[in-house]
Structure formats: structure tokens, C-alpha cells
Amino acid sequence: MAIYALGEKAPKIHPDAYVHPGATVIGDVEIGKHSTVWPSTVIRGDYGSILIGDETSIQDGSVIHATAGLVTRVGSRCVVGHLAHLEGCTVEDDVLIGSGSVVLHRVVVEHYSIVGANSVVTNDTRVPSFSMALGVPARIIADRVREGSFSIIVSNYVENGQRYKKELRRLD
């Protein structure tokens, strides 16, 4: 795995989490229990802290960064789709961030919400609970998400992370 300390800041990764060998985790980063970080993901806590809760999946090619003044928080039981970019934002528990989406500074995505694939959620936006944020720039559609809408995806990625911890082996 490409896990690096930067100065005095070293990642804290729960022993039950899974970080793929092809992912990069740098600096002031915490990753919770049963969370998964997939190939080509970069989680770079050089300017600020990045906190990822339990049972959260950060999928292939995603980039998570922070700024000197803005912590990036991703709650528990979240799914961050392939190629997403999160920076200086707060993603509460039980949120789905669609593939290719961008969530920027001071955005708050409240629990049981979805950011649609390829959407851009611009600075200072609040996505209320049970809402969807869709488009470029994202517009909010209220009361469209039900509690538990993607809980099966969360549990599938927890199971897949445990499978990879046991069975993944390099062949060259």
C-alpha cells in the first residue's frame, strides 16, 4: 500500500478497514472500521485533515483532499462513486456520492441524500436530508431519497473489502 506520513502527520487506518495496494493515502487522514479504499484513489491530507467514518466505500480513482482551513469529512455508511472529487466539504452519514461528481468547499451533504453522477456541487451549497443534487451546477430536488435506499451497496462493499483482505494476491 502507498501509505505515507507527511512530517508529523501519519494516516490512522482502522485495522478492519481495507485499503487497496494501488491506492495512495497521505498525511492527516483517518479511515474508520470496515471502510474500503479502492484502486487509484488518492486521499491526500497534506493541507488539512480528512476524516472517513465506518463502513464507507471510496471507490476507484476518487480524489479526496482538504484545505488549510477546511477539514474534509465523509461520514459512516457512505458510498463515494468512482472518480469522485471531494474537497473541503462535509458528507454526513448514509450518503451516496455518484461517480464522477465534484463536491467543493464548505458544502454540506446531509444524511440520506444523493449527489448524482457527474454533478458539481458548488461552494457553500447545502444538500438537505432526503434530497438529490443533480447537474452542473447541481440543483436540489427535495424529498426524493428514502432512508436505507442504498444500504445494500454499503453492505456489499464491506463484504467485498473483507474478501479482498483475505484473497487478493499479486501475480507478477
C-alpha atoms as a PDB file:
ATOM      1  CA  MET A   1       0.000   0.000   0.000  1.00  0.00           C
ATOM      2  CA  ALA A   2       1.137   3.541  -0.654  1.00  0.00           C
ATOM      3  CA  ILE A   3       0.554   4.990   2.808  1.00  0.00           C
ATOM      4  CA  TYR A   4       2.737   7.934   3.738  1.00  0.00           C
ATOM      5  CA  ALA A   5       3.391  10.141   6.722  1.00  0.00           C
ATOM      6  CA  LEU A   6       3.984  13.794   5.915  1.00  0.00           C
ATOM      7  CA  GLY A   7       6.089  15.382   8.625  1.00  0.00           C
ATOM      8  CA  GLU A   8       4.430  14.501  11.929  1.00  0.00           C
ATOM      9  CA  LYS A   9       1.084  13.622  10.313  1.00  0.00           C
ATOM     10  CA  ALA A  10       0.527   9.929   9.601  1.00  0.00           C
ATOM     11  CA  PRO A  11      -2.669   8.217   8.463  1.00  0.00           C
ATOM     12  CA  LYS A  12      -4.721   6.356  11.079  1.00  0.00           C
ATOM     13  CA  ILE A  13      -6.387   3.419   9.386  1.00  0.00           C
ATOM     14  CA  HIS A  14      -8.590   1.095  11.396  1.00  0.00           C
ATOM     15  CA  PRO A  15      -7.217  -2.479  11.250  1.00  0.00           C
ATOM     16  CA  ASP A  16     -10.576  -3.727   9.927  1.00  0.00           C
ATOM     17  CA  ALA A  17     -10.551  -1.239   7.023  1.00  0.00           C
ATOM     18  CA  TYR A  18      -9.338  -2.273   3.578  1.00  0.00           C
ATOM     19  CA  VAL A  19      -7.030  -0.031   1.536  1.00  0.00           C
ATOM     20  CA  HIS A  20      -6.146  -1.461  -1.875  1.00  0.00           C
ATOM     21  CA  PRO A  21      -2.399  -1.639  -2.630  1.00  0.00           C
ATOM     22  CA  GLY A  22      -2.949   0.654  -5.617  1.00  0.00           C
ATOM     23  CA  ALA A  23      -4.474   3.472  -3.523  1.00  0.00           C
ATOM     24  CA  THR A  24      -2.497   6.354  -2.001  1.00  0.00           C
ATOM     25  CA  VAL A  25      -3.150   7.726   1.493  1.00  0.00           C
ATOM     26  CA  ILE A  26      -1.015  10.633   2.715  1.00  0.00           C
ATOM     27  CA  GLY A  27      -0.776  12.635   5.939  1.00  0.00           C
ATOM     28  CA  ASP A  28      -3.576  13.707   8.252  1.00  0.00           C
ATOM     29  CA  VAL A  29      -6.152  11.051   7.346  1.00  0.00           C
ATOM     30  CA  GLU A  30      -8.381   8.814   9.467  1.00  0.00           C
ATOM     31  CA  ILE A  31     -10.226   5.846   7.966  1.00  0.00           C
ATOM     32  CA  GLY A  32     -12.833   4.020  10.051  1.00  0.00           C
ATOM     33  CA  LYS A  33     -13.744   0.410  10.711  1.00  0.00           C
ATOM     34  CA  HIS A  34     -14.808  -1.702   7.701  1.00  0.00           C
ATOM     35  CA  SER A  35     -14.308   1.206   5.295  1.00  0.00           C
ATOM     36  CA  THR A  36     -12.824   0.464   1.880  1.00  0.00           C
ATOM     37  CA  VAL A  37     -10.493   2.466  -0.358  1.00  0.00           C
ATOM     38  CA  TRP A  38     -10.224   1.109  -3.897  1.00  0.00           C
ATOM     39  CA  PRO A  39      -7.545   1.208  -6.664  1.00  0.00           C
ATOM     40  CA  SER A  40      -6.148   4.522  -7.910  1.00  0.00           C
ATOM     41  CA  THR A  41      -7.845   6.515  -5.156  1.00  0.00           C
ATOM     42  CA  VAL A  42      -5.834   9.374  -3.650  1.00  0.00           C
ATOM     43  CA  ILE A  43      -6.643  10.625  -0.147  1.00  0.00           C
ATOM     44  CA  ARG A  44      -4.241  13.487   0.486  1.00  0.00           C
ATOM     45  CA  GLY A  45      -4.272  15.090   3.926  1.00  0.00           C
ATOM     46  CA  ASP A  46      -1.376  17.468   3.400  1.00  0.00           C
ATOM     47  CA  TYR A  47      -3.003  20.872   3.983  1.00  0.00           C
ATOM     48  CA  GLY A  48      -5.758  19.713   6.323  1.00  0.00           C
ATOM     49  CA  SER A  49      -7.491  16.750   7.925  1.00  0.00           C
ATOM     50  CA  ILE A  50      -9.568  14.122   6.168  1.00  0.00           C
ATOM     51  CA  LEU A  51     -11.923  12.034   8.303  1.00  0.00           C
ATOM     52  CA  ILE A  52     -13.703   8.990   6.882  1.00  0.00           C
ATOM     53  CA  GLY A  53     -16.205   7.122   9.058  1.00  0.00           C
ATOM     54  CA  ASP A  54     -17.063   3.438   9.367  1.00  0.00           C
ATOM     55  CA  GLU A  55     -18.360   1.216   6.548  1.00  0.00           C
ATOM     56  CA  THR A  56     -17.703   3.847   3.886  1.00  0.00           C
ATOM     57  CA  SER A  57     -16.557   2.942   0.376  1.00  0.00           C
ATOM     58  CA  ILE A  58     -14.236   5.291  -1.510  1.00  0.00           C
ATOM     59  CA  GLN A  59     -14.257   3.828  -4.997  1.00  0.00           C
ATOM     60  CA  ASP A  60     -11.698   3.600  -7.771  1.00  0.00           C
ATOM     61  CA  GLY A  61      -9.980   6.766  -8.924  1.00  0.00           C
ATOM     62  CA  SER A  62     -11.572   9.113  -6.393  1.00  0.00           C
ATOM     63  CA  VAL A  63      -9.664  12.101  -5.035  1.00  0.00           C
ATOM     64  CA  ILE A  64     -10.242  13.396  -1.522  1.00  0.00           C
ATOM     65  CA  HIS A  65      -8.349  16.500  -0.421  1.00  0.00           C
ATOM     66  CA  ALA A  66      -8.607  19.180   2.267  1.00  0.00           C
ATOM     67  CA  THR A  67      -7.522  22.789   2.523  1.00  0.00           C
ATOM     68  CA  ALA A  68      -5.601  24.579   5.262  1.00  0.00           C
ATOM     69  CA  GLY A  69      -8.845  25.883   6.734  1.00  0.00           C
ATOM     70  CA  LEU A  70     -11.361  23.213   5.728  1.00  0.00           C
ATOM     71  CA  VAL A  71     -11.468  19.661   7.027  1.00  0.00           C
ATOM     72  CA  THR A  72     -12.976  17.131   4.634  1.00  0.00           C
ATOM     73  CA  ARG A  73     -15.388  14.790   6.413  1.00  0.00           C
ATOM     74  CA  VAL A  74     -17.072  11.727   4.962  1.00  0.00           C
ATOM     75  CA  GLY A  75     -19.441  10.051   7.398  1.00  0.00           C
ATOM     76  CA  SER A  76     -20.246   6.424   8.058  1.00  0.00           C
ATOM     77  CA  ARG A  77     -22.092   4.134   5.648  1.00  0.00           C
ATOM     78  CA  CYS A  78     -21.375   6.362   2.662  1.00  0.00           C
ATOM     79  CA  VAL A  79     -20.643   5.324  -0.900  1.00  0.00           C
ATOM     80  CA  VAL A  80     -18.331   7.611  -2.873  1.00  0.00           C
ATOM     81  CA  GLY A  81     -18.542   6.528  -6.502  1.00  0.00           C
ATOM     82  CA  HIS A  82     -15.741   6.043  -8.989  1.00  0.00           C
ATOM     83  CA  LEU A  83     -13.745   9.154  -9.973  1.00  0.00           C
ATOM     84  CA  ALA A  84     -15.455  11.476  -7.471  1.00  0.00           C
ATOM     85  CA  HIS A  85     -13.623  14.546  -6.116  1.00  0.00           C
ATOM     86  CA  LEU A  86     -14.337  15.797  -2.590  1.00  0.00           C
ATOM     87  CA  GLU A  87     -12.554  18.830  -1.143  1.00  0.00           C
ATOM     88  CA  GLY A  88     -13.187  20.865   1.991  1.00  0.00           C
ATOM     89  CA  CYS A  89     -16.737  19.527   2.372  1.00  0.00           C
ATOM     90  CA  THR A  90     -18.835  17.603   4.874  1.00  0.00           C
ATOM     91  CA  VAL A  91     -20.658  14.481   3.789  1.00  0.00           C
ATOM     92  CA  GLU A  92     -22.832  13.255   6.638  1.00  0.00           C
ATOM     93  CA  ASP A  93     -23.676   9.592   7.364  1.00  0.00           C
ATOM     94  CA  ASP A  94     -25.674   7.494   4.876  1.00  0.00           C
ATOM     95  CA  VAL A  95     -24.954   9.471   1.702  1.00  0.00           C
ATOM     96  CA  LEU A  96     -24.315   8.348  -1.865  1.00  0.00           C
ATOM     97  CA  ILE A  97     -21.910  10.464  -3.924  1.00  0.00           C
ATOM     98  CA  GLY A  98     -22.293   9.450  -7.572  1.00  0.00           C
ATOM     99  CA  SER A  99     -19.459   8.538  -9.902  1.00  0.00           C
ATOM    100  CA  GLY A 100     -17.601  11.455 -11.432  1.00  0.00           C
ATOM    101  CA  SER A 101     -19.188  14.051  -9.175  1.00  0.00           C
ATOM    102  CA  VAL A 102     -17.401  17.003  -7.574  1.00  0.00           C
ATOM    103  CA  VAL A 103     -18.270  18.294  -4.097  1.00  0.00           C
ATOM    104  CA  LEU A 104     -16.476  21.523  -3.212  1.00  0.00           C
ATOM    105  CA  HIS A 105     -15.614  23.838  -0.333  1.00  0.00           C
ATOM    106  CA  ARG A 106     -17.989  24.258   2.614  1.00  0.00           C
ATOM    107  CA  VAL A 107     -20.641  22.053   1.007  1.00  0.00           C
ATOM    108  CA  VAL A 108     -22.712  20.026   3.469  1.00  0.00           C
ATOM    109  CA  VAL A 109     -24.446  16.935   2.141  1.00  0.00           C
ATOM    110  CA  GLU A 110     -26.886  15.886   4.853  1.00  0.00           C
ATOM    111  CA  HIS A 111     -27.744  12.271   5.680  1.00  0.00           C
ATOM    112  CA  TYR A 112     -29.883  10.132   3.342  1.00  0.00           C
ATOM    113  CA  SER A 113     -29.031  12.261   0.316  1.00  0.00           C
ATOM    114  CA  ILE A 114     -27.620  11.549  -3.120  1.00  0.00           C
ATOM    115  CA  VAL A 115     -25.285  13.587  -5.294  1.00  0.00           C
ATOM    116  CA  GLY A 116     -25.955  12.336  -8.810  1.00  0.00           C
ATOM    117  CA  ALA A 117     -23.268  11.031 -11.131  1.00  0.00           C
ATOM    118  CA  ASN A 118     -21.202  13.764 -12.794  1.00  0.00           C
ATOM    119  CA  SER A 119     -22.858  16.504 -10.737  1.00  0.00           C
ATOM    120  CA  VAL A 120     -20.924  19.519  -9.441  1.00  0.00           C
ATOM    121  CA  VAL A 121     -21.967  20.794  -6.032  1.00  0.00           C
ATOM    122  CA  THR A 122     -20.500  24.290  -5.799  1.00  0.00           C
ATOM    123  CA  ASN A 123     -19.065  26.101  -2.773  1.00  0.00           C
ATOM    124  CA  ASP A 124     -21.356  26.787   0.209  1.00  0.00           C
ATOM    125  CA  THR A 125     -24.240  24.598  -1.001  1.00  0.00           C
ATOM    126  CA  ARG A 126     -26.316  22.606   1.493  1.00  0.00           C
ATOM    127  CA  VAL A 127     -27.972  19.430   0.250  1.00  0.00           C
ATOM    128  CA  PRO A 128     -30.815  18.757   2.722  1.00  0.00           C
ATOM    129  CA  SER A 129     -31.554  15.292   4.092  1.00  0.00           C
ATOM    130  CA  PHE A 130     -33.555  13.025   1.750  1.00  0.00           C
ATOM    131  CA  SER A 131     -32.682  15.206  -1.276  1.00  0.00           C
ATOM    132  CA  MET A 132     -30.871  14.758  -4.551  1.00  0.00           C
ATOM    133  CA  ALA A 133     -28.294  17.148  -6.015  1.00  0.00           C
ATOM    134  CA  LEU A 134     -28.214  16.773  -9.798  1.00  0.00           C
ATOM    135  CA  GLY A 135     -26.469  18.512 -12.675  1.00  0.00           C
ATOM    136  CA  VAL A 136     -23.811  21.137 -13.351  1.00  0.00           C
ATOM    137  CA  PRO A 137     -24.087  23.179 -11.255  1.00  0.00           C
ATOM    138  CA  ALA A 138     -26.179  20.865  -9.083  1.00  0.00           C
ATOM    139  CA  ARG A 139     -29.761  21.782  -8.368  1.00  0.00           C
ATOM    140  CA  ILE A 140     -31.515  20.375  -5.336  1.00  0.00           C
ATOM    141  CA  ILE A 141     -34.584  18.160  -5.631  1.00  0.00           C
ATOM    142  CA  ALA A 142     -36.125  17.736  -2.182  1.00  0.00           C
ATOM    143  CA  ASP A 143     -37.741  14.657  -0.655  1.00  0.00           C
ATOM    144  CA  ARG A 144     -36.581  12.166  -3.293  1.00  0.00           C
ATOM    145  CA  VAL A 145     -34.491   9.729  -1.224  1.00  0.00           C
ATOM    146  CA  ARG A 146     -35.744   7.210   1.315  1.00  0.00           C
ATOM    147  CA  GLU A 147     -33.823   6.062   4.368  1.00  0.00           C
ATOM    148  CA  GLY A 148     -31.933   2.877   3.508  1.00  0.00           C
ATOM    149  CA  SER A 149     -32.064   3.467  -0.260  1.00  0.00           C
ATOM    150  CA  PHE A 150     -28.502   2.289  -0.783  1.00  0.00           C
ATOM    151  CA  SER A 151     -27.776   0.285   2.373  1.00  0.00           C
ATOM    152  CA  ILE A 152     -27.333  -2.873   0.283  1.00  0.00           C
ATOM    153  CA  ILE A 153     -24.486  -1.177  -1.608  1.00  0.00           C
ATOM    154  CA  VAL A 154     -22.826  -0.272   1.695  1.00  0.00           C
ATOM    155  CA  SER A 155     -23.005  -3.839   2.983  1.00  0.00           C
ATOM    156  CA  ASN A 156     -21.767  -5.232  -0.355  1.00  0.00           C
ATOM    157  CA  TYR A 157     -18.639  -3.057  -0.173  1.00  0.00           C
ATOM    158  CA  VAL A 158     -17.973  -4.003   3.456  1.00  0.00           C
ATOM    159  CA  GLU A 159     -18.132  -7.671   2.439  1.00  0.00           C
ATOM    160  CA  ASN A 160     -16.006  -7.083  -0.657  1.00  0.00           C
ATOM    161  CA  GLY A 161     -13.348  -5.303   1.415  1.00  0.00           C
ATOM    162  CA  GLN A 162     -13.133  -8.293   3.768  1.00  0.00           C
ATOM    163  CA  ARG A 163     -12.910 -10.622   0.766  1.00  0.00           C
ATOM    164  CA  TYR A 164     -10.071  -8.587  -0.730  1.00  0.00           C
ATOM    165  CA  LYS A 165      -8.190  -8.567   2.590  1.00  0.00           C
ATOM    166  CA  LYS A 166      -8.257 -12.372   2.575  1.00  0.00           C
ATOM    167  CA  GLU A 167      -7.997 -13.290  -1.097  1.00  0.00           C
ATOM    168  CA  LEU A 168      -6.225 -10.581  -3.133  1.00  0.00           C
ATOM    169  CA  ARG A 169      -2.798 -11.650  -4.339  1.00  0.00           C
ATOM    170  CA  ARG A 170      -0.455 -10.156  -6.871  1.00  0.00           C
ATOM    171  CA  LEU A 171       0.564 -12.447  -9.759  1.00  0.00           C
ATOM    172  CA  ASP A 172       3.760 -10.994 -11.190  1.00  0.00           C
END
